[in-house]
Amino acid sequence: MEEYVFTIIKTINSETLEKSIEALLSEPIKIEDIKNFYKITEEHHISRDVLKCNSCDYRGHFGILHINMDKFPGRNESYITAYICPKCFSLERIY
């Protein structure tokens, strides 16, 4: 079985956070609500090494984002790899 991560953008009007979460979970999610998704694979989206965040106290595996720079002039077949802290979302390393 594969694991996927989804980014869902949906606006809900409610009096409290708890009620808005209940409303979100009670309504069906439509395809147009899903803005991004990816399959979790250790080699592509999660760091193999345990890292320490310089911005917060998190120590563990970081999210990895590979950015294809081919669209920028003079950057043919070039990739940037960014390591992102899953707790505070700071960029810790960029190669």
C-alpha atoms as a PDB file:
ATOM      1  CA  MET A   1       0.000   0.000   0.000  1.00  0.00           C
ATOM      2  CA  GLU A   2       1.326   3.453  -0.927  1.00  0.00           C
ATOM      3  CA  GLU A   3       1.178   6.563   1.275  1.00  0.00           C
ATOM      4  CA  TYR A   4       0.199   9.927  -0.196  1.00  0.00           C
ATOM      5  CA  VAL A   5       0.245  13.477   1.163  1.00  0.00           C
ATOM      6  CA  PHE A   6      -2.478  15.875  -0.010  1.00  0.00           C
ATOM      7  CA  THR A   7      -2.709  19.653   0.257  1.00  0.00           C
ATOM      8  CA  ILE A   8      -6.380  20.570   0.509  1.00  0.00           C
ATOM      9  CA  ILE A   9      -7.504  24.203   0.297  1.00  0.00           C
ATOM     10  CA  LYS A  10     -11.038  24.763   1.523  1.00  0.00           C
ATOM     11  CA  THR A  11     -12.687  27.769   3.200  1.00  0.00           C
ATOM     12  CA  ILE A  12     -15.108  27.069   6.043  1.00  0.00           C
ATOM     13  CA  ASN A  13     -17.039  29.683   8.014  1.00  0.00           C
ATOM     14  CA  SER A  14     -17.413  28.735  11.650  1.00  0.00           C
ATOM     15  CA  GLU A  15     -17.466  30.170  15.164  1.00  0.00           C
ATOM     16  CA  THR A  16     -14.554  28.096  16.498  1.00  0.00           C
ATOM     17  CA  LEU A  17     -11.641  26.076  15.201  1.00  0.00           C
ATOM     18  CA  GLU A  18     -13.183  22.867  16.547  1.00  0.00           C
ATOM     19  CA  LYS A  19     -16.459  23.493  14.708  1.00  0.00           C
ATOM     20  CA  SER A  20     -14.615  24.317  11.495  1.00  0.00           C
ATOM     21  CA  ILE A  21     -12.691  21.019  11.708  1.00  0.00           C
ATOM     22  CA  GLU A  22     -15.947  19.127  12.316  1.00  0.00           C
ATOM     23  CA  ALA A  23     -17.498  20.866   9.288  1.00  0.00           C
ATOM     24  CA  LEU A  24     -14.448  20.081   7.155  1.00  0.00           C
ATOM     25  CA  LEU A  25     -14.551  16.403   8.072  1.00  0.00           C
ATOM     26  CA  SER A  26     -18.309  16.130   7.524  1.00  0.00           C
ATOM     27  CA  GLU A  27     -18.250  17.548   3.968  1.00  0.00           C
ATOM     28  CA  PRO A  28     -17.056  15.524   0.969  1.00  0.00           C
ATOM     29  CA  ILE A  29     -13.746  16.630  -0.523  1.00  0.00           C
ATOM     30  CA  LYS A  30     -13.958  17.520  -4.210  1.00  0.00           C
ATOM     31  CA  ILE A  31     -11.161  17.109  -6.737  1.00  0.00           C
ATOM     32  CA  GLU A  32     -10.915  20.898  -7.141  1.00  0.00           C
ATOM     33  CA  ASP A  33     -10.195  21.201  -3.375  1.00  0.00           C
ATOM     34  CA  ILE A  34      -6.952  19.233  -3.811  1.00  0.00           C
ATOM     35  CA  LYS A  35      -4.178  21.614  -4.843  1.00  0.00           C
ATOM     36  CA  ASN A  36      -1.178  19.310  -4.614  1.00  0.00           C
ATOM     37  CA  PHE A  37      -0.326  15.711  -3.797  1.00  0.00           C
ATOM     38  CA  TYR A  38       2.641  13.385  -3.895  1.00  0.00           C
ATOM     39  CA  LYS A  39       3.520   9.833  -3.013  1.00  0.00           C
ATOM     40  CA  ILE A  40       5.784   9.393  -0.002  1.00  0.00           C
ATOM     41  CA  THR A  41       8.971   7.546  -0.830  1.00  0.00           C
ATOM     42  CA  GLU A  42      11.964   7.554   1.448  1.00  0.00           C
ATOM     43  CA  GLU A  43      14.453   8.199  -1.322  1.00  0.00           C
ATOM     44  CA  HIS A  44      12.701  11.236  -2.762  1.00  0.00           C
ATOM     45  CA  HIS A  45      10.767  13.102  -0.078  1.00  0.00           C
ATOM     46  CA  ILE A  46      12.279  12.239   3.311  1.00  0.00           C
ATOM     47  CA  SER A  47      15.913  12.626   4.339  1.00  0.00           C
ATOM     48  CA  ARG A  48      17.767   9.424   5.133  1.00  0.00           C
ATOM     49  CA  ASP A  49      19.954  11.145   7.721  1.00  0.00           C
ATOM     50  CA  VAL A  50      18.720  12.465  11.044  1.00  0.00           C
ATOM     51  CA  LEU A  51      19.259  16.234  11.026  1.00  0.00           C
ATOM     52  CA  LYS A  52      19.033  18.993  13.650  1.00  0.00           C
ATOM     53  CA  CYS A  53      17.060  22.146  12.870  1.00  0.00           C
ATOM     54  CA  ASN A  54      18.892  25.434  13.522  1.00  0.00           C
ATOM     55  CA  SER A  55      15.621  27.347  14.023  1.00  0.00           C
ATOM     56  CA  CYS A  56      13.790  25.096  16.509  1.00  0.00           C
ATOM     57  CA  ASP A  57      14.486  22.057  18.707  1.00  0.00           C
ATOM     58  CA  TYR A  58      13.471  19.430  16.107  1.00  0.00           C
ATOM     59  CA  ARG A  59      15.858  16.545  15.487  1.00  0.00           C
ATOM     60  CA  GLY A  60      14.876  13.865  12.968  1.00  0.00           C
ATOM     61  CA  HIS A  61      14.149  13.288   9.297  1.00  0.00           C
ATOM     62  CA  PHE A  62      13.530  16.344   7.123  1.00  0.00           C
ATOM     63  CA  GLY A  63      11.342  16.817   4.080  1.00  0.00           C
ATOM     64  CA  ILE A  64      13.216  17.083   0.791  1.00  0.00           C
ATOM     65  CA  LEU A  65      12.138  19.247  -2.118  1.00  0.00           C
ATOM     66  CA  HIS A  66      13.812  18.810  -5.525  1.00  0.00           C
ATOM     67  CA  ILE A  67      13.430  21.855  -7.786  1.00  0.00           C
ATOM     68  CA  ASN A  68      14.131  21.528 -11.523  1.00  0.00           C
ATOM     69  CA  MET A  69      15.890  24.730 -12.618  1.00  0.00           C
ATOM     70  CA  ASP A  70      15.679  24.007 -16.394  1.00  0.00           C
ATOM     71  CA  LYS A  71      13.175  26.848 -16.877  1.00  0.00           C
ATOM     72  CA  PHE A  72      15.765  29.456 -15.862  1.00  0.00           C
ATOM     73  CA  PRO A  73      18.344  30.765 -18.385  1.00  0.00           C
ATOM     74  CA  GLY A  74      21.745  29.081 -18.163  1.00  0.00           C
ATOM     75  CA  ARG A  75      20.603  26.356 -15.731  1.00  0.00           C
ATOM     76  CA  ASN A  76      20.223  23.340 -18.053  1.00  0.00           C
ATOM     77  CA  GLU A  77      19.719  20.000 -16.294  1.00  0.00           C
ATOM     78  CA  SER A  78      20.217  21.667 -12.938  1.00  0.00           C
ATOM     79  CA  TYR A  79      18.394  20.708  -9.740  1.00  0.00           C
ATOM     80  CA  ILE A  80      18.294  22.369  -6.335  1.00  0.00           C
ATOM     81  CA  THR A  81      17.626  20.192  -3.301  1.00  0.00           C
ATOM     82  CA  ALA A  82      16.163  21.867  -0.207  1.00  0.00           C
ATOM     83  CA  TYR A  83      15.817  20.250   3.216  1.00  0.00           C
ATOM     84  CA  ILE A  84      12.763  21.516   5.110  1.00  0.00           C
ATOM     85  CA  CYS A  85      12.125  21.134   8.848  1.00  0.00           C
ATOM     86  CA  PRO A  86       8.729  19.420   9.341  1.00  0.00           C
ATOM     87  CA  LYS A  87       8.147  21.248  12.640  1.00  0.00           C
ATOM     88  CA  CYS A  88       8.837  24.918  11.797  1.00  0.00           C
ATOM     89  CA  PHE A  89       9.106  24.664   7.963  1.00  0.00           C
ATOM     90  CA  SER A  90      12.460  26.470   7.835  1.00  0.00           C
ATOM     91  CA  LEU A  91      14.842  25.727   4.968  1.00  0.00           C
ATOM     92  CA  GLU A  92      17.890  24.142   6.553  1.00  0.00           C
ATOM     93  CA  ARG A  93      20.080  23.093   3.657  1.00  0.00           C
ATOM     94  CA  ILE A  94      20.069  23.947  -0.012  1.00  0.00           C
ATOM     95  CA  TYR A  95      22.346  22.165  -2.517  1.00  0.00           C
END
